[in-house]
Protein backbone atom coordinates (compact mmCIF):
# COMPACT_ATOMS: atom_id res chain seq x y z
CA UNK A 1 -36.30 -35.14 66.60
CA UNK A 2 -33.45 -37.03 65.11
CA UNK A 3 -29.95 -36.56 64.12
CA UNK A 4 -30.49 -34.46 60.94
CA UNK A 5 -32.49 -31.99 62.84
CA UNK A 6 -29.99 -31.95 65.70
CA UNK A 7 -27.47 -31.14 62.90
CA UNK A 8 -29.45 -28.15 61.76
CA UNK A 9 -29.20 -26.98 65.38
CA UNK A 10 -25.45 -26.60 64.58
CA UNK A 11 -25.97 -24.88 61.69
CA UNK A 12 -25.56 -27.73 59.02
CA UNK A 13 -27.89 -29.00 56.55
CA UNK A 14 -27.81 -32.50 55.05
CA UNK A 15 -28.58 -32.88 51.45
CA UNK A 16 -29.13 -36.08 49.68
CA UNK A 17 -26.67 -36.84 47.00
CA UNK A 18 -28.84 -39.02 44.78
CA UNK A 19 -31.83 -38.86 42.72
CA UNK A 20 -34.07 -41.30 40.90
CA UNK A 21 -37.62 -41.46 39.55
CA UNK A 22 -38.75 -44.22 41.88
CA UNK A 23 -37.31 -42.50 44.76
CA UNK A 24 -39.65 -39.70 44.11
CA UNK A 25 -42.63 -41.70 43.12
CA UNK A 26 -42.48 -44.23 45.99
CA UNK A 27 -42.50 -41.57 48.79
CA UNK A 28 -38.99 -42.49 49.88
CA UNK A 29 -37.77 -39.05 49.28
CA UNK A 30 -40.70 -37.40 51.26
CA UNK A 31 -39.68 -39.69 54.22
CA UNK A 32 -36.15 -38.38 53.92
CA UNK A 33 -37.29 -34.85 54.00
CA UNK A 34 -39.53 -35.60 57.20
CA UNK A 35 -36.40 -37.12 58.89
CA UNK A 36 -34.47 -33.76 58.02
CA UNK A 37 -32.95 -33.84 54.69
CA UNK A 38 -33.14 -30.50 53.20
CA UNK A 39 -31.82 -30.69 49.74
CA UNK A 40 -30.67 -32.90 46.79
CA UNK A 41 -27.62 -33.05 44.64
CA UNK A 42 -27.24 -34.62 41.35
CA UNK A 43 -24.42 -35.12 38.89
CA UNK A 44 -23.82 -37.03 35.33
CA UNK A 45 -22.83 -40.09 37.22
CA UNK A 46 -25.98 -40.27 39.40
CA UNK A 47 -28.13 -39.79 36.44
CA UNK A 48 -26.37 -42.59 34.71
CA UNK A 49 -26.82 -44.85 37.44
CA UNK A 50 -30.44 -43.86 37.88
CA UNK A 51 -31.49 -43.88 33.99
CA UNK A 52 -29.26 -46.57 32.42
CA UNK A 53 -29.06 -48.70 35.57
CA UNK A 54 -32.75 -49.04 36.29
CA UNK A 55 -36.13 -49.57 34.52
CA UNK A 56 -37.76 -46.45 36.13
CA UNK A 57 -37.67 -44.41 32.73
CA UNK A 58 -38.32 -47.08 30.27
CA UNK A 59 -41.83 -46.24 29.40
CA UNK A 60 -41.02 -42.52 29.19
CA UNK A 61 -38.01 -43.00 27.14
CA UNK A 62 -40.06 -45.27 24.64
CA UNK A 63 -42.89 -42.74 24.43
CA UNK A 64 -40.41 -39.89 23.74
CA UNK A 65 -38.40 -41.95 21.19
CA UNK A 66 -41.78 -42.88 19.37
CA UNK A 67 -42.51 -39.21 19.46
CA UNK A 68 -39.44 -38.53 17.37
CA UNK A 69 -37.41 -36.99 20.07
CA UNK A 70 -33.72 -37.04 19.66
CA UNK A 71 -31.22 -38.55 22.27
CA UNK A 72 -30.34 -35.09 23.71
CA UNK A 73 -34.11 -34.23 23.89
CA UNK A 74 -35.04 -37.52 25.60
CA UNK A 75 -32.10 -36.79 28.03
CA UNK A 76 -33.39 -33.49 28.87
CA UNK A 77 -37.02 -34.32 29.46
CA UNK A 78 -36.07 -37.27 31.64
CA UNK A 79 -33.77 -35.31 33.72
CA UNK A 80 -35.69 -32.03 34.03
CA UNK A 81 -38.75 -33.98 34.91
CA UNK A 82 -36.91 -35.40 37.87
CA UNK A 83 -35.58 -32.09 39.03
CA UNK A 84 -38.95 -30.43 38.62
CA UNK A 85 -40.68 -33.15 40.72
CA UNK A 86 -37.96 -33.00 43.43
CA UNK A 87 -38.01 -29.10 43.55
CA UNK A 88 -41.63 -29.37 44.13
CA UNK A 89 -41.22 -31.81 47.07
CA UNK A 90 -38.61 -29.55 48.64
CA UNK A 91 -40.55 -26.33 48.27
CA UNK A 92 -42.11 -26.58 51.73
CA UNK A 93 -38.39 -26.59 53.02
CA UNK A 94 -37.32 -23.59 50.80
CA UNK A 95 -40.29 -21.69 52.23
CA UNK A 96 -39.79 -22.45 55.83
CA UNK A 97 -36.15 -21.86 55.95
CA UNK A 98 -36.47 -18.83 53.96
CA UNK A 99 -34.65 -19.62 51.09
CA UNK A 100 -31.67 -21.14 52.77
CA UNK A 101 -32.48 -24.88 51.84
CA UNK A 102 -34.64 -26.97 49.90
CA UNK A 103 -32.46 -26.65 46.72
CA UNK A 104 -31.99 -29.44 44.03
CA UNK A 105 -29.00 -29.26 41.84
CA UNK A 106 -28.60 -30.04 38.24
CA UNK A 107 -25.26 -29.75 36.41
CA UNK A 108 -24.56 -28.34 33.13
CA UNK A 109 -23.14 -30.50 30.29
CA UNK A 110 -19.65 -31.68 31.88
CA UNK A 111 -18.14 -31.36 28.26
CA UNK A 112 -18.64 -27.56 28.53
CA UNK A 113 -16.25 -27.49 31.68
CA UNK A 114 -13.39 -25.47 29.87
CA UNK A 115 -15.82 -23.23 27.71
CA UNK A 116 -17.12 -20.28 29.69
CA UNK A 117 -19.52 -18.76 27.49
CA UNK A 118 -21.37 -21.94 26.55
CA UNK A 119 -21.41 -22.88 30.39
CA UNK A 120 -23.19 -19.62 30.83
CA UNK A 121 -25.38 -19.96 27.94
CA UNK A 122 -26.51 -23.58 29.15
CA UNK A 123 -26.75 -22.51 32.77
CA UNK A 124 -29.20 -19.78 32.07
CA UNK A 125 -31.18 -21.94 29.65
CA UNK A 126 -31.48 -24.64 32.22
CA UNK A 127 -32.49 -22.32 35.03
CA UNK A 128 -35.04 -20.72 32.86
CA UNK A 129 -36.53 -23.95 31.56
CA UNK A 130 -36.83 -25.19 35.23
CA UNK A 131 -38.49 -21.84 36.41
CA UNK A 132 -38.26 -22.72 40.14
CA UNK A 133 -36.76 -20.65 42.85
CA UNK A 134 -35.01 -23.66 44.68
CA UNK A 135 -33.12 -25.03 41.83
CA UNK A 136 -29.26 -24.67 41.63
CA UNK A 137 -27.13 -25.00 38.49
CA UNK A 138 -23.99 -26.81 39.16
CA UNK A 139 -20.82 -25.45 37.51
CA UNK A 140 -17.32 -26.94 37.71
CA UNK A 141 -14.70 -24.80 39.14
CA UNK A 142 -12.35 -24.91 36.45
CA UNK A 143 -10.49 -21.80 35.35
CA UNK A 144 -13.30 -21.40 32.71
CA UNK A 145 -15.89 -22.19 35.05
CA UNK A 146 -14.87 -19.67 37.80
CA UNK A 147 -16.08 -16.46 35.31
CA UNK A 148 -19.06 -18.31 34.37
CA UNK A 149 -20.05 -18.57 38.03
CA UNK A 150 -19.49 -14.82 38.36
CA UNK A 151 -21.84 -14.18 35.35
CA UNK A 152 -24.49 -16.63 36.24
CA UNK A 153 -24.88 -15.13 39.73
CA UNK A 154 -25.00 -11.68 38.05
CA UNK A 155 -27.89 -12.72 36.01
CA UNK A 156 -29.81 -14.14 39.19
CA UNK A 157 -29.10 -17.85 38.69
CA UNK A 158 -28.42 -19.88 41.72
CA UNK A 159 -25.03 -21.82 41.39
CA UNK A 160 -23.77 -24.72 43.05
CA UNK A 161 -19.79 -24.49 42.29
CA UNK A 162 -18.70 -28.07 42.12
CA UNK A 163 -15.47 -30.06 41.67
CA UNK A 164 -13.68 -27.91 44.20
CA UNK A 165 -10.65 -29.58 45.69
CA UNK A 166 -8.13 -26.86 46.18
CA UNK A 167 -8.06 -23.89 48.58
CA UNK A 168 -6.90 -21.50 45.81
CA UNK A 169 -10.02 -22.59 43.65
CA UNK A 170 -12.43 -22.30 46.74
CA UNK A 171 -11.14 -18.74 47.17
CA UNK A 172 -11.91 -17.82 43.40
CA UNK A 173 -15.19 -19.44 43.61
CA UNK A 174 -16.31 -17.37 46.71
CA UNK A 175 -14.91 -14.03 45.23
CA UNK A 176 -16.85 -14.90 41.92
CA UNK A 177 -20.04 -15.26 44.02
CA UNK A 178 -19.30 -11.89 45.89
CA UNK A 179 -18.49 -10.31 42.49
CA UNK A 180 -21.62 -11.63 40.78
CA UNK A 181 -23.84 -10.33 43.62
CA UNK A 182 -22.25 -6.87 43.31
CA UNK A 183 -23.02 -6.75 39.63
CA UNK A 184 -26.56 -8.03 39.95
CA UNK A 185 -27.16 -5.26 42.79
CA UNK A 186 -25.67 -2.68 40.74
CA UNK A 187 -28.03 -3.49 37.94
CA UNK A 188 -30.95 -3.00 40.44
CA UNK A 189 -31.42 -6.72 41.01
CA UNK A 190 -32.68 -8.30 44.28
CA UNK A 191 -29.79 -10.27 45.61
CA UNK A 192 -31.68 -11.70 48.60
CA UNK A 193 -33.41 -13.99 45.99
CA UNK A 194 -29.89 -15.54 45.01
CA UNK A 195 -28.39 -18.71 46.58
CA UNK A 196 -25.08 -20.59 46.18
CA UNK A 197 -22.99 -23.15 47.64
CA UNK A 198 -19.41 -23.99 47.13
CA UNK A 199 -18.97 -27.99 46.99
CA UNK A 200 -15.78 -28.89 48.25
CA UNK A 201 -14.65 -32.54 47.83
CA UNK A 202 -13.28 -34.31 50.59
CA UNK A 203 -12.63 -38.05 50.63
CA UNK A 204 -10.73 -38.21 47.07
CA UNK A 205 -8.15 -35.96 48.62
CA UNK A 206 -7.20 -38.85 51.29
CA UNK A 207 -7.39 -41.39 48.53
CA UNK A 208 -4.74 -39.41 46.26
CA UNK A 209 -2.55 -38.22 49.29
CA UNK A 210 -2.39 -41.50 51.17
CA UNK A 211 -1.27 -43.25 47.67
CA UNK A 212 1.53 -41.05 47.71
CA UNK A 213 2.36 -41.37 51.74
CA UNK A 214 2.32 -44.98 51.29
CA UNK A 215 5.03 -44.82 48.49
CA UNK A 216 7.10 -42.74 51.04
CA UNK A 217 6.39 -45.22 53.69
CA UNK A 218 4.77 -42.38 56.01
CA UNK A 219 2.13 -43.68 57.99
CA UNK A 220 1.69 -40.78 60.33
CA UNK A 221 -0.21 -38.48 57.89
CA UNK A 222 -2.60 -41.19 56.46
CA UNK A 223 -6.13 -40.04 56.36
CA UNK A 224 -5.36 -36.59 57.64
CA UNK A 225 -5.19 -34.65 54.53
CA UNK A 226 -8.58 -34.30 53.59
CA UNK A 227 -10.12 -33.03 56.93
CA UNK A 228 -7.09 -30.66 57.35
CA UNK A 229 -7.71 -29.27 53.64
CA UNK A 230 -11.54 -28.92 54.51
CA UNK A 231 -10.76 -27.27 57.65
CA UNK A 232 -8.46 -24.66 56.08
CA UNK A 233 -11.17 -23.85 53.27
CA UNK A 234 -13.66 -23.21 55.94
CA UNK A 235 -11.35 -20.75 57.67
CA UNK A 236 -11.10 -18.98 54.36
CA UNK A 237 -14.90 -19.03 54.32
CA UNK A 238 -14.99 -17.13 57.49
CA UNK A 239 -12.68 -14.67 56.48
CA UNK A 240 -14.23 -13.86 53.08
CA UNK A 241 -17.73 -13.84 54.54
CA UNK A 242 -16.92 -11.12 57.01
CA UNK A 243 -15.52 -7.41 56.80
CA UNK A 244 -16.60 -4.39 54.87
CA UNK A 245 -17.15 -5.73 51.64
CA UNK A 246 -19.39 -8.64 52.66
CA UNK A 247 -21.21 -6.42 55.18
CA UNK A 248 -22.26 -4.15 52.45
CA UNK A 249 -23.70 -6.95 50.46
CA UNK A 250 -25.29 -8.67 53.65
CA UNK A 251 -26.97 -5.55 54.26
CA UNK A 252 -28.71 -5.64 50.98
CA UNK A 253 -29.98 -9.21 51.97
CA UNK A 254 -27.34 -11.44 50.56
CA UNK A 255 -27.01 -15.07 51.73
CA UNK A 256 -23.69 -16.47 52.42
CA UNK A 257 -22.13 -18.93 50.01
CA UNK A 258 -22.22 -21.87 52.40
CA UNK A 259 -19.35 -24.51 51.89
CA UNK A 260 -20.78 -27.87 50.90
CA UNK A 261 -18.85 -30.93 51.74
CA UNK A 262 -19.19 -33.28 48.74
CA UNK A 263 -17.64 -36.86 48.26
CA UNK A 264 -18.16 -37.61 51.65
CA UNK A 265 -18.55 -41.42 51.51
CA UNK A 266 -15.38 -43.05 53.21
CA UNK A 267 -13.36 -44.85 50.31
CA UNK A 268 -10.81 -46.55 52.71
CA UNK A 269 -12.32 -49.39 54.68
CA UNK A 270 -9.76 -48.66 57.36
CA UNK A 271 -11.42 -45.27 58.22
CA UNK A 272 -14.71 -44.73 60.13
CA UNK A 273 -17.52 -44.98 57.62
CA UNK A 274 -18.92 -41.69 58.90
CA UNK A 275 -15.45 -39.76 59.19
CA UNK A 276 -16.24 -37.03 56.44
CA UNK A 277 -19.58 -36.34 58.32
CA UNK A 278 -18.36 -36.47 62.06
CA UNK A 279 -15.34 -34.42 61.46
CA UNK A 280 -16.86 -31.61 59.45
CA UNK A 281 -19.84 -30.32 61.62
CA UNK A 282 -20.07 -26.43 61.83
CA UNK A 283 -22.18 -23.40 61.09
CA UNK A 284 -23.14 -22.25 57.39
CA UNK A 285 -22.35 -25.70 55.75
CA UNK A 286 -24.03 -28.39 53.82
CA UNK A 287 -22.99 -31.93 53.76
CA UNK A 288 -24.36 -33.99 50.77
CA UNK A 289 -24.61 -37.74 51.64
CA UNK A 290 -24.95 -40.65 49.25
CA UNK A 291 -27.58 -43.14 50.21
CA UNK A 292 -25.16 -45.62 51.96
CA UNK A 293 -23.51 -42.77 53.98
CA UNK A 294 -26.58 -41.28 55.03
CA UNK A 295 -27.72 -44.55 56.57
CA UNK A 296 -24.67 -45.04 58.48
CA UNK A 297 -24.58 -41.82 59.82
CA UNK A 298 -28.26 -42.18 61.12
CA UNK A 299 -27.17 -45.45 62.61
CA UNK A 300 -24.09 -44.50 64.41
CA UNK A 301 -22.71 -40.96 63.35
CA UNK A 302 -21.41 -38.72 66.10
CA UNK A 303 -22.71 -35.16 66.39
CA UNK A 304 -20.44 -32.46 67.93
CA UNK A 305 -19.36 -29.07 66.66
CA UNK A 306 -16.06 -30.67 65.17
CA UNK A 307 -15.46 -28.27 62.13
CA UNK A 308 -14.08 -25.19 63.99
CA UNK A 309 -11.56 -27.04 66.12
CA UNK A 310 -7.96 -27.48 65.37
CA UNK A 311 -7.44 -25.05 62.41
CA UNK A 312 -3.72 -24.57 63.37
CA UNK A 313 -3.15 -28.46 63.56
CA UNK A 314 -4.65 -28.80 60.38
CA UNK A 315 -2.36 -26.14 58.67
CA UNK A 316 0.66 -27.98 60.37
CA UNK A 317 -0.56 -31.40 58.86
CA UNK A 318 -0.68 -29.75 55.33
CA UNK A 319 2.80 -28.07 55.98
CA UNK A 320 4.13 -31.67 56.94
CA UNK A 321 3.09 -32.86 53.48
CA UNK A 322 4.93 -29.97 51.71
CA UNK A 323 7.91 -30.75 53.62
CA UNK A 324 7.81 -34.38 52.35
CA UNK A 325 7.80 -33.11 48.71
CA UNK A 326 4.04 -33.62 48.37
CA UNK A 327 2.34 -30.79 46.62
CA UNK A 328 -1.26 -30.71 47.64
CA UNK A 329 -1.71 -27.96 44.87
CA UNK A 330 -0.63 -30.41 42.33
CA UNK A 331 -2.76 -33.41 43.73
CA UNK A 332 -5.95 -31.36 43.89
CA UNK A 333 -5.37 -30.13 40.22
CA UNK A 334 -5.06 -33.38 39.09
CA UNK A 335 -8.35 -34.46 41.01
CA UNK A 336 -10.22 -31.58 39.53
CA UNK A 337 -9.18 -32.74 35.93
CA UNK A 338 -10.10 -36.43 36.76
CA UNK A 339 -13.41 -35.27 38.11
CA UNK A 340 -14.23 -33.47 34.87
CA UNK A 341 -13.18 -36.46 32.84
CA UNK A 342 -15.17 -38.84 34.98
CA UNK A 343 -18.45 -36.80 34.85
CA UNK A 344 -17.97 -36.48 31.10
CA UNK A 345 -17.44 -40.17 30.81
CA UNK A 346 -20.68 -40.85 32.72
CA UNK A 347 -22.50 -38.14 30.50
CA UNK A 348 -21.32 -39.97 27.39
CA UNK A 349 -22.42 -43.47 28.66
CA UNK A 350 -25.73 -42.10 29.60
CA UNK A 351 -26.30 -40.71 26.19
CA UNK A 352 -25.24 -43.92 24.50
CA UNK A 353 -27.54 -45.81 26.79
CA UNK A 354 -30.38 -43.53 25.88
CA UNK A 355 -29.31 -43.73 22.07
CA UNK A 356 -29.48 -47.60 22.41
CA UNK A 357 -32.86 -47.80 23.98
CA UNK A 358 -34.16 -45.16 21.53
CA UNK A 359 -33.11 -47.12 18.60
CA UNK A 360 -34.85 -50.29 19.98
CA UNK A 361 -38.08 -48.68 19.74
CA UNK A 362 -37.78 -46.77 16.47
């Protein structure tokens, strides 16, 4: 039936890391669903490219501007419309997989990344406004974002925990999910209706670690850190979603919080262009692929159960980095901060573009 359906047989879903109005209206997104794509992720950078970098939204933007809508109102109407249209397309997937897949993710304003209360407020508002069971609200895994994840899950909001780079933050995100489920259950809620993924970023780790290794003249560990870090995170996933605490929640219908591999486009041309897909295939996972990476994987990607092999070797590789004086904790913390700044900058750029177009027609 095709590679993406084959991956589903290994317990991995492929989601599409892009969204744009013409992708929906042209039928291209439906074609991807037919090929086996089982969800969509978005972020401020993606929407900046879609709205500011195309003419797909010009007519709607002009109409909203002429109706006196503010820049913020225009932004939300354009974005929420895309999310709603996409959620409708994926609803049959959501139904056929019994709530496992078929999700589309929308991120809260990245400028709220260090404000727990406002993140919770916006997450609830967006989830209610969309009103679809197959929508996830993306929350960055900052120290302020983690308690927001717990509160949103406790309130019955599906959450995609994003910008995870470190093992320690991943563990916090998973624990926040469990705590949120427990709170929802204790209040009489149905936890079988709640879904979450933990978006663990991959390729950027290699980019940063490789730069430090190059400075040290060490070539043996180049291109190794990202996959090793991901495998260790997956090992922790298996530990957390087993045992008495998890079994109590699972007995009440809870879904595991799957690990989602993000930032899986290969940045270094010396590495395989499907490296971060081929090497991370395993049960209870999602891999979200940008358009170019999806195309390359469909053309020549390799399918094998690669994720659950070599965990001890992965730990040894991270230990070697430590012995070289490279702190993966420090590197991943910096990546988290850079990720927040990057998304905030994209959001600002998008809002400036909308404001400029709004003024043109006023």
